[in-house]
Protein backbone atom coordinates (compact mmCIF):
# COMPACT_ATOMS: atom_id res chain seq x y z
CA MET A 1 -38.84 143.37 32.70
CA SER A 2 -36.05 145.74 33.52
CA ILE A 3 -35.52 148.48 30.95
CA THR A 4 -31.84 149.34 30.61
CA ALA A 5 -29.83 151.44 28.17
CA GLU A 6 -28.88 148.17 26.44
CA THR A 7 -32.56 147.19 26.15
CA ILE A 8 -33.44 150.52 24.59
CA MET A 9 -30.47 150.40 22.20
CA GLY A 10 -31.55 146.89 21.20
CA MET A 11 -35.03 148.19 20.42
CA SER A 12 -33.59 151.04 18.38
CA GLY A 13 -31.32 148.79 16.34
CA ALA A 14 -33.79 145.92 15.86
CA TYR A 15 -34.42 147.06 12.29
CA TRP A 16 -30.96 145.80 11.30
CA LYS A 17 -32.14 142.21 11.54
CA SER A 18 -35.32 143.05 9.63
CA CYS A 19 -33.29 144.70 6.88
CA ALA A 20 -30.93 141.72 6.59
CA LEU A 21 -33.83 139.28 6.40
CA GLN A 22 -35.71 141.42 3.88
CA ALA A 23 -32.61 141.83 1.70
CA ALA A 24 -32.00 138.07 1.73
CA VAL A 25 -35.60 137.36 0.71
CA GLU A 26 -35.50 140.05 -1.99
CA LEU A 27 -32.23 138.56 -3.33
CA GLU A 28 -33.70 135.03 -3.05
CA VAL A 29 -30.73 133.79 -1.00
CA PHE A 30 -32.74 131.01 0.68
CA THR A 31 -34.18 129.86 -2.65
CA VAL A 32 -30.74 129.87 -4.28
CA LEU A 33 -29.33 127.76 -1.45
CA GLY A 34 -32.18 125.26 -1.37
CA ARG A 35 -30.61 122.13 0.14
CA GLU A 36 -27.14 122.94 -1.25
CA VAL A 37 -24.02 124.08 0.55
CA LEU A 38 -22.55 127.01 -1.39
CA THR A 39 -19.67 129.39 -0.86
CA ALA A 40 -20.23 133.13 -0.59
CA GLU A 41 -18.61 133.49 -4.00
CA GLU A 42 -21.03 131.00 -5.59
CA ILE A 43 -24.03 132.69 -4.00
CA GLY A 44 -22.70 136.09 -5.05
CA ARG A 45 -22.39 135.00 -8.67
CA ILE A 46 -25.96 133.66 -8.71
CA ILE A 47 -27.57 136.71 -7.06
CA GLY A 48 -25.30 139.28 -8.71
CA GLY A 49 -23.83 140.44 -5.42
CA SER A 50 -20.45 141.95 -4.56
CA THR A 51 -17.57 139.99 -3.06
CA ARG A 52 -17.71 142.30 -0.03
CA GLY A 53 -21.46 142.59 0.51
CA VAL A 54 -22.54 138.97 0.06
CA PRO A 55 -20.38 137.48 2.86
CA MET A 56 -21.46 140.28 5.19
CA LEU A 57 -25.13 139.47 4.55
CA LEU A 58 -24.55 135.71 4.83
CA ASN A 59 -22.65 136.14 8.12
CA ALA A 60 -25.48 138.29 9.50
CA LEU A 61 -28.04 135.65 8.51
CA THR A 62 -25.87 132.99 10.13
CA ALA A 63 -25.61 135.02 13.35
CA MET A 64 -29.41 135.34 13.29
CA GLY A 65 -29.74 131.54 13.06
CA LEU A 66 -31.29 131.61 9.58
CA LEU A 67 -28.30 130.00 7.84
CA ARG A 68 -25.61 127.52 8.87
CA ARG A 69 -21.95 127.79 7.97
CA ASP A 70 -19.23 125.17 7.93
CA GLY A 71 -15.86 124.75 6.21
CA ARG A 72 -17.53 124.11 2.86
CA GLY A 73 -19.83 127.15 2.83
CA TYR A 74 -23.32 128.28 3.76
CA ALA A 75 -26.48 126.20 4.01
CA ASN A 76 -30.11 126.76 4.84
CA THR A 77 -31.60 125.80 8.17
CA GLU A 78 -34.79 123.73 8.03
CA GLU A 79 -36.71 126.95 8.70
CA GLY A 80 -34.94 128.62 5.79
CA ILE A 81 -35.94 125.78 3.48
CA THR A 82 -39.50 125.54 4.78
CA LEU A 83 -40.42 129.20 5.26
CA LEU A 84 -37.98 131.33 3.25
CA SER A 85 -37.28 129.36 0.08
CA GLY A 86 -39.55 130.36 -2.79
CA GLU A 87 -39.75 126.67 -3.71
CA SER A 88 -41.63 125.83 -0.50
CA PRO A 89 -45.44 125.71 -0.30
CA ARG A 90 -45.10 127.32 3.16
CA TYR A 91 -43.08 130.29 1.82
CA ILE A 92 -43.67 133.51 3.78
CA GLY A 93 -41.37 135.70 1.71
CA HIS A 94 -44.14 137.77 0.15
CA LEU A 95 -45.22 138.90 3.61
CA ILE A 96 -41.60 139.77 4.44
CA LEU A 97 -41.35 141.78 1.21
CA HIS A 98 -44.63 143.50 2.08
CA HIS A 99 -43.07 144.51 5.41
CA HIS A 100 -40.05 145.79 3.46
CA ASN A 101 -42.38 147.92 1.34
CA LEU A 102 -43.87 149.45 4.50
CA MET A 103 -40.53 150.49 6.00
CA GLU A 104 -40.31 153.90 4.32
CA SER A 105 -43.77 154.85 5.55
CA TRP A 106 -42.98 153.64 9.08
CA SER A 107 -39.79 155.71 9.02
CA ARG A 108 -42.08 158.75 8.74
CA LEU A 109 -44.04 157.96 11.91
CA ALA A 110 -43.05 161.22 13.64
CA ALA A 111 -44.50 163.19 10.70
CA ALA A 112 -47.69 161.11 10.85
CA VAL A 113 -48.03 161.85 14.56
CA LYS A 114 -47.47 165.58 14.00
CA THR A 115 -49.82 165.93 11.03
CA GLY A 116 -52.34 163.23 11.83
CA ARG A 117 -52.07 162.13 8.20
CA PRO A 118 -50.82 158.93 6.59
CA GLN A 119 -47.28 159.10 5.27
CA ARG A 120 -47.64 156.49 2.53
CA ILE A 121 -45.77 156.98 -0.68
CA SER A 122 -48.49 157.26 -3.32
CA ALA A 123 -46.29 155.86 -6.09
CA ALA A 124 -46.03 152.60 -4.15
CA LEU A 125 -49.78 152.07 -4.41
CA ASP A 126 -49.51 151.91 -8.19
CA ASN A 127 -46.48 149.61 -8.19
CA GLU A 128 -47.44 146.11 -9.34
CA THR A 129 -44.65 144.42 -7.35
CA VAL A 130 -45.67 146.22 -4.15
CA ARG A 131 -49.33 145.33 -4.72
CA ASN A 132 -48.41 141.70 -5.50
CA ASN A 133 -46.34 141.39 -2.31
CA PHE A 134 -49.24 142.85 -0.31
CA LEU A 135 -51.84 140.50 -1.81
CA ARG A 136 -49.66 137.43 -1.55
CA GLY A 137 -48.63 138.45 1.98
CA MET A 138 -52.29 138.67 3.02
CA PHE A 139 -52.84 135.25 1.42
CA THR A 140 -49.96 133.93 3.55
CA ILE A 141 -51.59 135.29 6.71
CA ALA A 142 -54.93 133.78 5.71
CA ASN A 143 -53.30 130.39 5.16
CA ILE A 144 -51.66 130.53 8.57
CA LEU A 145 -54.59 131.92 10.56
CA GLY A 146 -57.53 130.57 8.55
CA PRO A 147 -57.45 126.99 9.81
CA ARG A 148 -57.17 128.18 13.43
CA VAL A 149 -60.08 130.59 13.01
CA ALA A 150 -62.16 127.90 11.29
CA GLU A 151 -61.67 125.61 14.30
CA GLU A 152 -62.88 128.32 16.70
CA VAL A 153 -65.91 129.63 14.81
CA ASP A 154 -69.11 127.61 15.02
CA LEU A 155 -70.79 127.82 11.63
CA SER A 156 -73.40 125.15 12.27
CA GLY A 157 -76.82 126.23 11.08
CA ARG A 158 -75.36 128.87 8.79
CA ASN A 159 -76.07 128.90 5.06
CA ARG A 160 -74.06 131.96 4.12
CA LEU A 161 -70.81 133.56 5.13
CA LEU A 162 -69.77 137.14 4.42
CA ASP A 163 -66.01 137.69 4.23
CA LEU A 164 -65.25 141.33 5.05
CA GLY A 165 -61.49 140.74 5.10
C-alpha cells in the first residue's frame, strides 16, 4: 500500500463518516424511514431537525451508501433496514451509540499517552444511557460472534462452562 498525502488526510478525516452514522442512529433516521420513502422535510419534522441540517445529514448518508435518494425522497438501503433500524432483530445501533460514547475519551489519546492514565469521563460511567448502550452493544457483539465461536470450540466431554466475558 502506498501512503500518500491523500491517504493520510483520508485517515485524519475518517471520523466524519463515523459522526454522520452515529448522529443518524442517535436521531433514529433509519428507524423513522423503515421501508418508506420520505422527504427531508418529513424526516426533519419527525426527528425534530432543522431544514438546513437534516438534508445535509441525509445527503452524507446517501453518499456513504447507507440511504438511497430519488425524486420522491430518501429511502433506506436493505442494510439500513436490517442493521440500522431499531425495528430489526439484527439492529447494531446500540454498538454504534457505544462507539459514539467513546469518542470523547479517544479524542484525549495524546493526554493518555503522556500521562499513562485513562482519559475516561467519570460522569459517563454513571449515565444510564451510556451504560445501556455499552451493555446492549456487547450483547450485539456476542450475538454476532457467539455462533461462530460455538462452532469452533469443542465442548464435548465438558459439564461446566465458565464465562469470563
